[in-house]
Amino acid sequence: MRAIPALEDFIQSHISNVIFPFETLVHFNKVEEIKKNIGFDNCFVIGIEARSKGFVMLWKNNCTCQILIYSMNFINVKVTCENN
């Protein structure tokens, strides 16, 4: 899976606390594994449905992400981080 090393490089170079990197075909169990491997604490996943891709959002414990509303097409979230 080439996307994971690329994602790790991106995170390290941008020091991200919250990422919403992609539409994905990855199931929740795999997202949990990826989340741990790239150093994030929390995730919100909208699962794959039929032929449509799901969404993934990852964040660290120094941020609070309040999911306001979501669908298969979007996630509306309020993000608050300790230093911002």
PDB file of N, CA and C in Angstrom:
ATOM      1  N   MET A   1       0.843  -1.171   0.000  1.00  0.00           N
ATOM      2  CA  MET A   1       0.000   0.000   0.000  1.00  0.00           C
ATOM      3  C   MET A   1       0.894   1.242   0.000  1.00  0.00           C
ATOM      4  N   ARG A   2       1.093   1.845  -1.145  1.00  0.00           N
ATOM      5  CA  ARG A   2       2.000   2.988  -1.308  1.00  0.00           C
ATOM      6  C   ARG A   2       1.465   4.267  -0.698  1.00  0.00           C
ATOM      7  N   ALA A   3       0.176   4.370  -0.509  1.00  0.00           N
ATOM      8  CA  ALA A   3      -0.414   5.608   0.001  1.00  0.00           C
ATOM      9  C   ALA A   3      -0.016   5.879   1.450  1.00  0.00           C
ATOM     10  N   ILE A   4       0.196   4.859   2.234  1.00  0.00           N
ATOM     11  CA  ILE A   4       0.496   5.043   3.656  1.00  0.00           C
ATOM     12  C   ILE A   4       1.850   5.724   3.865  1.00  0.00           C
ATOM     13  N   PRO A   5       2.949   5.262   3.232  1.00  0.00           N
ATOM     14  CA  PRO A   5       4.219   5.999   3.388  1.00  0.00           C
ATOM     15  C   PRO A   5       4.129   7.446   2.900  1.00  0.00           C
ATOM     16  N   ALA A   6       3.395   7.682   1.838  1.00  0.00           N
ATOM     17  CA  ALA A   6       3.226   9.051   1.334  1.00  0.00           C
ATOM     18  C   ALA A   6       2.466   9.899   2.344  1.00  0.00           C
ATOM     19  N   LEU A   7       1.462   9.329   2.972  1.00  0.00           N
ATOM     20  CA  LEU A   7       0.692  10.039   3.988  1.00  0.00           C
ATOM     21  C   LEU A   7       1.561  10.335   5.211  1.00  0.00           C
ATOM     22  N   GLU A   8       2.374   9.378   5.628  1.00  0.00           N
ATOM     23  CA  GLU A   8       3.294   9.593   6.748  1.00  0.00           C
ATOM     24  C   GLU A   8       4.262  10.736   6.447  1.00  0.00           C
ATOM     25  N   ASP A   9       4.819  10.757   5.244  1.00  0.00           N
ATOM     26  CA  ASP A   9       5.741  11.833   4.844  1.00  0.00           C
ATOM     27  C   ASP A   9       5.046  13.191   4.878  1.00  0.00           C
ATOM     28  N   PHE A  10       3.834  13.238   4.379  1.00  0.00           N
ATOM     29  CA  PHE A  10       3.068  14.484   4.367  1.00  0.00           C
ATOM     30  C   PHE A  10       2.839  14.984   5.784  1.00  0.00           C
ATOM     31  N   ILE A  11       2.422  14.113   6.669  1.00  0.00           N
ATOM     32  CA  ILE A  11       2.131  14.494   8.054  1.00  0.00           C
ATOM     33  C   ILE A  11       3.383  15.007   8.744  1.00  0.00           C
ATOM     34  N   GLN A  12       4.501  14.321   8.557  1.00  0.00           N
ATOM     35  CA  GLN A  12       5.744  14.746   9.189  1.00  0.00           C
ATOM     36  C   GLN A  12       6.212  16.099   8.660  1.00  0.00           C
ATOM     37  N   SER A  13       6.033  16.360   7.390  1.00  0.00           N
ATOM     38  CA  SER A  13       6.504  17.620   6.817  1.00  0.00           C
ATOM     39  C   SER A  13       5.562  18.790   7.108  1.00  0.00           C
ATOM     40  N   HIS A  14       4.313  18.521   7.433  1.00  0.00           N
ATOM     41  CA  HIS A  14       3.338  19.583   7.674  1.00  0.00           C
ATOM     42  C   HIS A  14       2.875  19.665   9.133  1.00  0.00           C
ATOM     43  N   ILE A  15       3.331  18.777   9.978  1.00  0.00           N
ATOM     44  CA  ILE A  15       2.977  18.751  11.396  1.00  0.00           C
ATOM     45  C   ILE A  15       1.465  18.942  11.576  1.00  0.00           C
ATOM     46  N   SER A  16       0.712  18.033  11.046  1.00  0.00           N
ATOM     47  CA  SER A  16      -0.745  18.112  11.061  1.00  0.00           C
ATOM     48  C   SER A  16      -1.331  17.516  12.329  1.00  0.00           C
ATOM     49  N   ASN A  17      -2.340  18.191  12.870  1.00  0.00           N
ATOM     50  CA  ASN A  17      -3.091  17.673  14.009  1.00  0.00           C
ATOM     51  C   ASN A  17      -4.432  17.089  13.588  1.00  0.00           C
ATOM     52  N   VAL A  18      -4.923  17.554  12.448  1.00  0.00           N
ATOM     53  CA  VAL A  18      -6.182  17.074  11.893  1.00  0.00           C
ATOM     54  C   VAL A  18      -5.969  16.876  10.404  1.00  0.00           C
ATOM     55  N   ILE A  19      -6.373  15.733   9.906  1.00  0.00           N
ATOM     56  CA  ILE A  19      -6.297  15.524   8.459  1.00  0.00           C
ATOM     57  C   ILE A  19      -7.604  14.919   7.958  1.00  0.00           C
ATOM     58  N   PHE A  20      -7.953  15.329   6.800  1.00  0.00           N
ATOM     59  CA  PHE A  20      -9.109  14.801   6.083  1.00  0.00           C
ATOM     60  C   PHE A  20      -8.588  14.479   4.691  1.00  0.00           C
ATOM     61  N   PRO A  21      -7.781  13.395   4.608  1.00  0.00           N
ATOM     62  CA  PRO A  21      -6.927  13.226   3.447  1.00  0.00           C
ATOM     63  C   PRO A  21      -7.568  12.696   2.180  1.00  0.00           C
ATOM     64  N   PHE A  22      -8.678  12.007   2.275  1.00  0.00           N
ATOM     65  CA  PHE A  22      -9.062  11.285   1.077  1.00  0.00           C
ATOM     66  C   PHE A  22     -10.452  10.705   1.149  1.00  0.00           C
ATOM     67  N   GLU A  23     -10.966  10.425  -0.039  1.00  0.00           N
ATOM     68  CA  GLU A  23     -12.065   9.494  -0.162  1.00  0.00           C
ATOM     69  C   GLU A  23     -11.396   8.129  -0.202  1.00  0.00           C
ATOM     70  N   THR A  24     -12.007   7.172   0.395  1.00  0.00           N
ATOM     71  CA  THR A  24     -11.306   5.907   0.518  1.00  0.00           C
ATOM     72  C   THR A  24     -12.214   4.709   0.264  1.00  0.00           C
ATOM     73  N   LEU A  25     -11.593   3.638  -0.123  1.00  0.00           N
ATOM     74  CA  LEU A  25     -12.280   2.351  -0.234  1.00  0.00           C
ATOM     75  C   LEU A  25     -11.887   1.438   0.921  1.00  0.00           C
ATOM     76  N   VAL A  26     -11.234   2.019   1.936  1.00  0.00           N
ATOM     77  CA  VAL A  26     -10.744   1.251   3.074  1.00  0.00           C
ATOM     78  C   VAL A  26     -11.850   1.117   4.115  1.00  0.00           C
ATOM     79  N   HIS A  27     -11.995  -0.086   4.654  1.00  0.00           N
ATOM     80  CA  HIS A  27     -12.992  -0.335   5.686  1.00  0.00           C
ATOM     81  C   HIS A  27     -12.503   0.149   7.041  1.00  0.00           C
ATOM     82  N   PHE A  28     -13.430   0.307   7.993  1.00  0.00           N
ATOM     83  CA  PHE A  28     -13.147   0.861   9.310  1.00  0.00           C
ATOM     84  C   PHE A  28     -11.982   0.159  10.005  1.00  0.00           C
ATOM     85  N   ASN A  29     -11.931  -1.172   9.956  1.00  0.00           N
ATOM     86  CA  ASN A  29     -10.856  -1.907  10.637  1.00  0.00           C
ATOM     87  C   ASN A  29      -9.483  -1.492  10.118  1.00  0.00           C
ATOM     88  N   LYS A  30      -9.359  -1.296   8.841  1.00  0.00           N
ATOM     89  CA  LYS A  30      -8.088  -0.882   8.250  1.00  0.00           C
ATOM     90  C   LYS A  30      -7.761   0.560   8.635  1.00  0.00           C
ATOM     91  N   VAL A  31      -8.774   1.421   8.710  1.00  0.00           N
ATOM     92  CA  VAL A  31      -8.555   2.813   9.126  1.00  0.00           C
ATOM     93  C   VAL A  31      -7.998   2.845  10.541  1.00  0.00           C
ATOM     94  N   GLU A  32      -8.516   2.000  11.433  1.00  0.00           N
ATOM     95  CA  GLU A  32      -8.005   1.927  12.803  1.00  0.00           C
ATOM     96  C   GLU A  32      -6.518   1.580  12.808  1.00  0.00           C
ATOM     97  N   GLU A  33      -6.120   0.650  11.976  1.00  0.00           N
ATOM     98  CA  GLU A  33      -4.711   0.249  11.877  1.00  0.00           C
ATOM     99  C   GLU A  33      -3.856   1.398  11.333  1.00  0.00           C
ATOM    100  N   ILE A  34      -4.314   2.035  10.278  1.00  0.00           N
ATOM    101  CA  ILE A  34      -3.592   3.154   9.671  1.00  0.00           C
ATOM    102  C   ILE A  34      -3.465   4.294  10.668  1.00  0.00           C
ATOM    103  N   LYS A  35      -4.553   4.590  11.375  1.00  0.00           N
ATOM    104  CA  LYS A  35      -4.565   5.670  12.365  1.00  0.00           C
ATOM    105  C   LYS A  35      -3.434   5.493  13.373  1.00  0.00           C
ATOM    106  N   LYS A  36      -3.293   4.308  13.891  1.00  0.00           N
ATOM    107  CA  LYS A  36      -2.246   4.027  14.872  1.00  0.00           C
ATOM    108  C   LYS A  36      -0.856   4.133  14.244  1.00  0.00           C
ATOM    109  N   ASN A  37      -0.705   3.627  13.039  1.00  0.00           N
ATOM    110  CA  ASN A  37       0.598   3.630  12.368  1.00  0.00           C
ATOM    111  C   ASN A  37       1.109   5.031  12.059  1.00  0.00           C
ATOM    112  N   ILE A  38       0.218   5.974  11.806  1.00  0.00           N
ATOM    113  CA  ILE A  38       0.660   7.322  11.447  1.00  0.00           C
ATOM    114  C   ILE A  38       0.568   8.301  12.618  1.00  0.00           C
ATOM    115  N   GLY A  39       0.229   7.801  13.816  1.00  0.00           N
ATOM    116  CA  GLY A  39       0.315   8.615  15.020  1.00  0.00           C
ATOM    117  C   GLY A  39      -0.893   9.465  15.350  1.00  0.00           C
ATOM    118  N   PHE A  40      -2.074   9.064  14.916  1.00  0.00           N
ATOM    119  CA  PHE A  40      -3.290   9.792  15.257  1.00  0.00           C
ATOM    120  C   PHE A  40      -4.072   9.023  16.313  1.00  0.00           C
ATOM    121  N   ASP A  41      -4.864   9.761  17.109  1.00  0.00           N
ATOM    122  CA  ASP A  41      -5.573   9.171  18.232  1.00  0.00           C
ATOM    123  C   ASP A  41      -7.036   8.855  17.934  1.00  0.00           C
ATOM    124  N   ASN A  42      -7.645   9.625  17.059  1.00  0.00           N
ATOM    125  CA  ASN A  42      -9.095   9.527  16.829  1.00  0.00           C
ATOM    126  C   ASN A  42      -9.401   9.502  15.342  1.00  0.00           C
ATOM    127  N   CYS A  43     -10.569   8.962  15.032  1.00  0.00           N
ATOM    128  CA  CYS A  43     -10.998   8.972  13.633  1.00  0.00           C
ATOM    129  C   CYS A  43     -12.511   9.000  13.549  1.00  0.00           C
ATOM    130  N   PHE A  44     -12.978   9.499  12.420  1.00  0.00           N
ATOM    131  CA  PHE A  44     -14.390   9.451  12.064  1.00  0.00           C
ATOM    132  C   PHE A  44     -14.432   8.885  10.661  1.00  0.00           C
ATOM    133  N   VAL A  45     -15.226   7.844  10.485  1.00  0.00           N
ATOM    134  CA  VAL A  45     -15.266   7.142   9.206  1.00  0.00           C
ATOM    135  C   VAL A  45     -16.703   7.062   8.721  1.00  0.00           C
ATOM    136  N   ILE A  46     -16.909   7.454   7.478  1.00  0.00           N
ATOM    137  CA  ILE A  46     -18.179   7.181   6.809  1.00  0.00           C
ATOM    138  C   ILE A  46     -17.877   6.028   5.881  1.00  0.00           C
ATOM    139  N   GLY A  47     -18.507   4.910   6.136  1.00  0.00           N
ATOM    140  CA  GLY A  47     -18.167   3.677   5.446  1.00  0.00           C
ATOM    141  C   GLY A  47     -18.527   3.645   3.980  1.00  0.00           C
ATOM    142  N   ILE A  48     -17.929   2.686   3.350  1.00  0.00           N
ATOM    143  CA  ILE A  48     -18.187   2.432   1.932  1.00  0.00           C
ATOM    144  C   ILE A  48     -19.611   1.938   1.782  1.00  0.00           C
ATOM    145  N   GLU A  49     -20.291   2.460   0.778  1.00  0.00           N
ATOM    146  CA  GLU A  49     -21.656   2.024   0.513  1.00  0.00           C
ATOM    147  C   GLU A  49     -21.807   1.746  -0.975  1.00  0.00           C
ATOM    148  N   ALA A  50     -22.131   0.518  -1.286  1.00  0.00           N
ATOM    149  CA  ALA A  50     -22.260   0.080  -2.681  1.00  0.00           C
ATOM    150  C   ALA A  50     -20.972   0.419  -3.439  1.00  0.00           C
ATOM    151  N   ARG A  51     -21.063   1.264  -4.476  1.00  0.00           N
ATOM    152  CA  ARG A  51     -19.885   1.597  -5.282  1.00  0.00           C
ATOM    153  C   ARG A  51     -19.265   2.936  -4.880  1.00  0.00           C
ATOM    154  N   SER A  52     -19.872   3.637  -3.926  1.00  0.00           N
ATOM    155  CA  SER A  52     -19.325   4.944  -3.553  1.00  0.00           C
ATOM    156  C   SER A  52     -18.218   4.794  -2.522  1.00  0.00           C
ATOM    157  N   LYS A  53     -17.300   5.733  -2.548  1.00  0.00           N
ATOM    158  CA  LYS A  53     -16.181   5.735  -1.614  1.00  0.00           C
ATOM    159  C   LYS A  53     -16.635   6.313  -0.288  1.00  0.00           C
ATOM    160  N   GLY A  54     -15.931   5.934   0.775  1.00  0.00           N
ATOM    161  CA  GLY A  54     -16.209   6.491   2.088  1.00  0.00           C
ATOM    162  C   GLY A  54     -15.297   7.668   2.358  1.00  0.00           C
ATOM    163  N   PHE A  55     -15.499   8.329   3.492  1.00  0.00           N
ATOM    164  CA  PHE A  55     -14.662   9.444   3.934  1.00  0.00           C
ATOM    165  C   PHE A  55     -13.986   9.079   5.243  1.00  0.00           C
ATOM    166  N   VAL A  56     -12.804   9.630   5.458  1.00  0.00           N
ATOM    167  CA  VAL A  56     -12.063   9.414   6.692  1.00  0.00           C
ATOM    168  C   VAL A  56     -11.537  10.757   7.187  1.00  0.00           C
ATOM    169  N   MET A  57     -11.661  10.995   8.491  1.00  0.00           N
ATOM    170  CA  MET A  57     -11.078  12.160   9.122  1.00  0.00           C
ATOM    171  C   MET A  57     -10.312  11.673  10.339  1.00  0.00           C
ATOM    172  N   LEU A  58      -9.074  12.148  10.506  1.00  0.00           N
ATOM    173  CA  LEU A  58      -8.213  11.727  11.618  1.00  0.00           C
ATOM    174  C   LEU A  58      -7.770  12.950  12.399  1.00  0.00           C
ATOM    175  N   TRP A  59      -7.661  12.816  13.738  1.00  0.00           N
ATOM    176  CA  TRP A  59      -7.157  13.924  14.541  1.00  0.00           C
ATOM    177  C   TRP A  59      -6.482  13.413  15.801  1.00  0.00           C
ATOM    178  N   LYS A  60      -5.616  14.303  16.346  1.00  0.00           N
ATOM    179  CA  LYS A  60      -4.864  13.976  17.555  1.00  0.00           C
ATOM    180  C   LYS A  60      -5.612  14.491  18.781  1.00  0.00           C
ATOM    181  N   ASN A  61      -5.214  13.998  19.958  1.00  0.00           N
ATOM    182  CA  ASN A  61      -5.910  14.339  21.197  1.00  0.00           C
ATOM    183  C   ASN A  61      -5.806  15.809  21.585  1.00  0.00           C
ATOM    184  N   ASN A  62      -4.859  16.561  21.009  1.00  0.00           N
ATOM    185  CA  ASN A  62      -4.768  17.980  21.349  1.00  0.00           C
ATOM    186  C   ASN A  62      -5.793  18.821  20.587  1.00  0.00           C
ATOM    187  N   CYS A  63      -6.646  18.171  19.823  1.00  0.00           N
ATOM    188  CA  CYS A  63      -7.737  18.840  19.113  1.00  0.00           C
ATOM    189  C   CYS A  63      -9.063  18.168  19.461  1.00  0.00           C
ATOM    190  N   THR A  64     -10.115  18.967  19.397  1.00  0.00           N
ATOM    191  CA  THR A  64     -11.462  18.444  19.565  1.00  0.00           C
ATOM    192  C   THR A  64     -12.178  18.622  18.242  1.00  0.00           C
ATOM    193  N   CYS A  65     -12.771  17.560  17.759  1.00  0.00           N
ATOM    194  CA  CYS A  65     -13.536  17.623  16.515  1.00  0.00           C
ATOM    195  C   CYS A  65     -14.982  17.263  16.835  1.00  0.00           C
ATOM    196  N   GLN A  66     -15.848  18.238  16.687  1.00  0.00           N
ATOM    197  CA  GLN A  66     -17.266  18.041  16.944  1.00  0.00           C
ATOM    198  C   GLN A  66     -17.967  17.873  15.597  1.00  0.00           C
ATOM    199  N   ILE A  67     -18.441  16.666  15.336  1.00  0.00           N
ATOM    200  CA  ILE A  67     -19.146  16.397  14.081  1.00  0.00           C
ATOM    201  C   ILE A  67     -20.528  17.030  14.180  1.00  0.00           C
ATOM    202  N   LEU A  68     -20.810  17.994  13.309  1.00  0.00           N
ATOM    203  CA  LEU A  68     -22.084  18.706  13.348  1.00  0.00           C
ATOM    204  C   LEU A  68     -23.151  17.979  12.544  1.00  0.00           C
ATOM    205  N   ILE A  69     -22.789  17.579  11.333  1.00  0.00           N
ATOM    206  CA  ILE A  69     -23.705  16.845  10.463  1.00  0.00           C
ATOM    207  C   ILE A  69     -22.868  16.176   9.385  1.00  0.00           C
ATOM    208  N   TYR A  70     -23.331  15.062   8.874  1.00  0.00           N
ATOM    209  CA  TYR A  70     -22.597  14.384   7.811  1.00  0.00           C
ATOM    210  C   TYR A  70     -23.554  13.555   6.964  1.00  0.00           C
ATOM    211  N   SER A  71     -23.074  13.218   5.798  1.00  0.00           N
ATOM    212  CA  SER A  71     -23.798  12.319   4.901  1.00  0.00           C
ATOM    213  C   SER A  71     -22.750  11.534   4.117  1.00  0.00           C
ATOM    214  N   MET A  72     -23.167  10.817   3.135  1.00  0.00           N
ATOM    215  CA  MET A  72     -22.225  10.090   2.277  1.00  0.00           C
ATOM    216  C   MET A  72     -21.433  11.055   1.389  1.00  0.00           C
ATOM    217  N   ASN A  73     -21.833  12.330   1.359  1.00  0.00           N
ATOM    218  CA  ASN A  73     -21.187  13.307   0.479  1.00  0.00           C
ATOM    219  C   ASN A  73     -20.338  14.345   1.190  1.00  0.00           C
ATOM    220  N   PHE A  74     -20.500  14.517   2.512  1.00  0.00           N
ATOM    221  CA  PHE A  74     -19.752  15.559   3.203  1.00  0.00           C
ATOM    222  C   PHE A  74     -19.704  15.284   4.704  1.00  0.00           C
ATOM    223  N   ILE A  75     -18.773  15.991   5.365  1.00  0.00           N
ATOM    224  CA  ILE A  75     -18.700  16.028   6.819  1.00  0.00           C
ATOM    225  C   ILE A  75     -18.580  17.494   7.219  1.00  0.00           C
ATOM    226  N   ASN A  76     -19.478  17.976   8.059  1.00  0.00           N
ATOM    227  CA  ASN A  76     -19.403  19.333   8.594  1.00  0.00           C
ATOM    228  C   ASN A  76     -18.942  19.197  10.036  1.00  0.00           C
ATOM    229  N   VAL A  77     -17.760  19.744  10.333  1.00  0.00           N
ATOM    230  CA  VAL A  77     -17.136  19.530  11.630  1.00  0.00           C
ATOM    231  C   VAL A  77     -16.574  20.842  12.178  1.00  0.00           C
ATOM    232  N   LYS A  78     -16.679  21.006  13.486  1.00  0.00           N
ATOM    233  CA  LYS A  78     -16.059  22.146  14.176  1.00  0.00           C
ATOM    234  C   LYS A  78     -14.791  21.633  14.834  1.00  0.00           C
ATOM    235  N   VAL A  79     -13.635  22.239  14.492  1.00  0.00           N
ATOM    236  CA  VAL A  79     -12.342  21.807  14.996  1.00  0.00           C
ATOM    237  C   VAL A  79     -11.785  22.876  15.920  1.00  0.00           C
ATOM    238  N   THR A  80     -11.384  22.447  17.122  1.00  0.00           N
ATOM    239  CA  THR A  80     -10.734  23.335  18.084  1.00  0.00           C
ATOM    240  C   THR A  80      -9.467  22.651  18.557  1.00  0.00           C
ATOM    241  N   CYS A  81      -8.323  23.349  18.422  1.00  0.00           N
ATOM    242  CA  CYS A  81      -7.043  22.790  18.869  1.00  0.00           C
ATOM    243  C   CYS A  81      -6.491  23.634  20.009  1.00  0.00           C
ATOM    244  N   GLU A  82      -5.710  23.009  20.866  1.00  0.00           N
ATOM    245  CA  GLU A  82      -5.181  23.666  22.053  1.00  0.00           C
ATOM    246  C   GLU A  82      -4.392  24.931  21.723  1.00  0.00           C
ATOM    247  N   ASN A  83      -3.581  24.907  20.693  1.00  0.00           N
ATOM    248  CA  ASN A  83      -2.717  26.048  20.398  1.00  0.00           C
ATOM    249  C   ASN A  83      -3.267  26.952  19.298  1.00  0.00           C
ATOM    250  N   ASN A  84      -4.494  26.765  18.864  1.00  0.00           N
ATOM    251  CA  ASN A  84      -5.107  27.624  17.838  1.00  0.00           C
ATOM    252  C   ASN A  84      -6.502  28.018  18.259  1.00  0.00           C
TER     253      ASN A  84
END
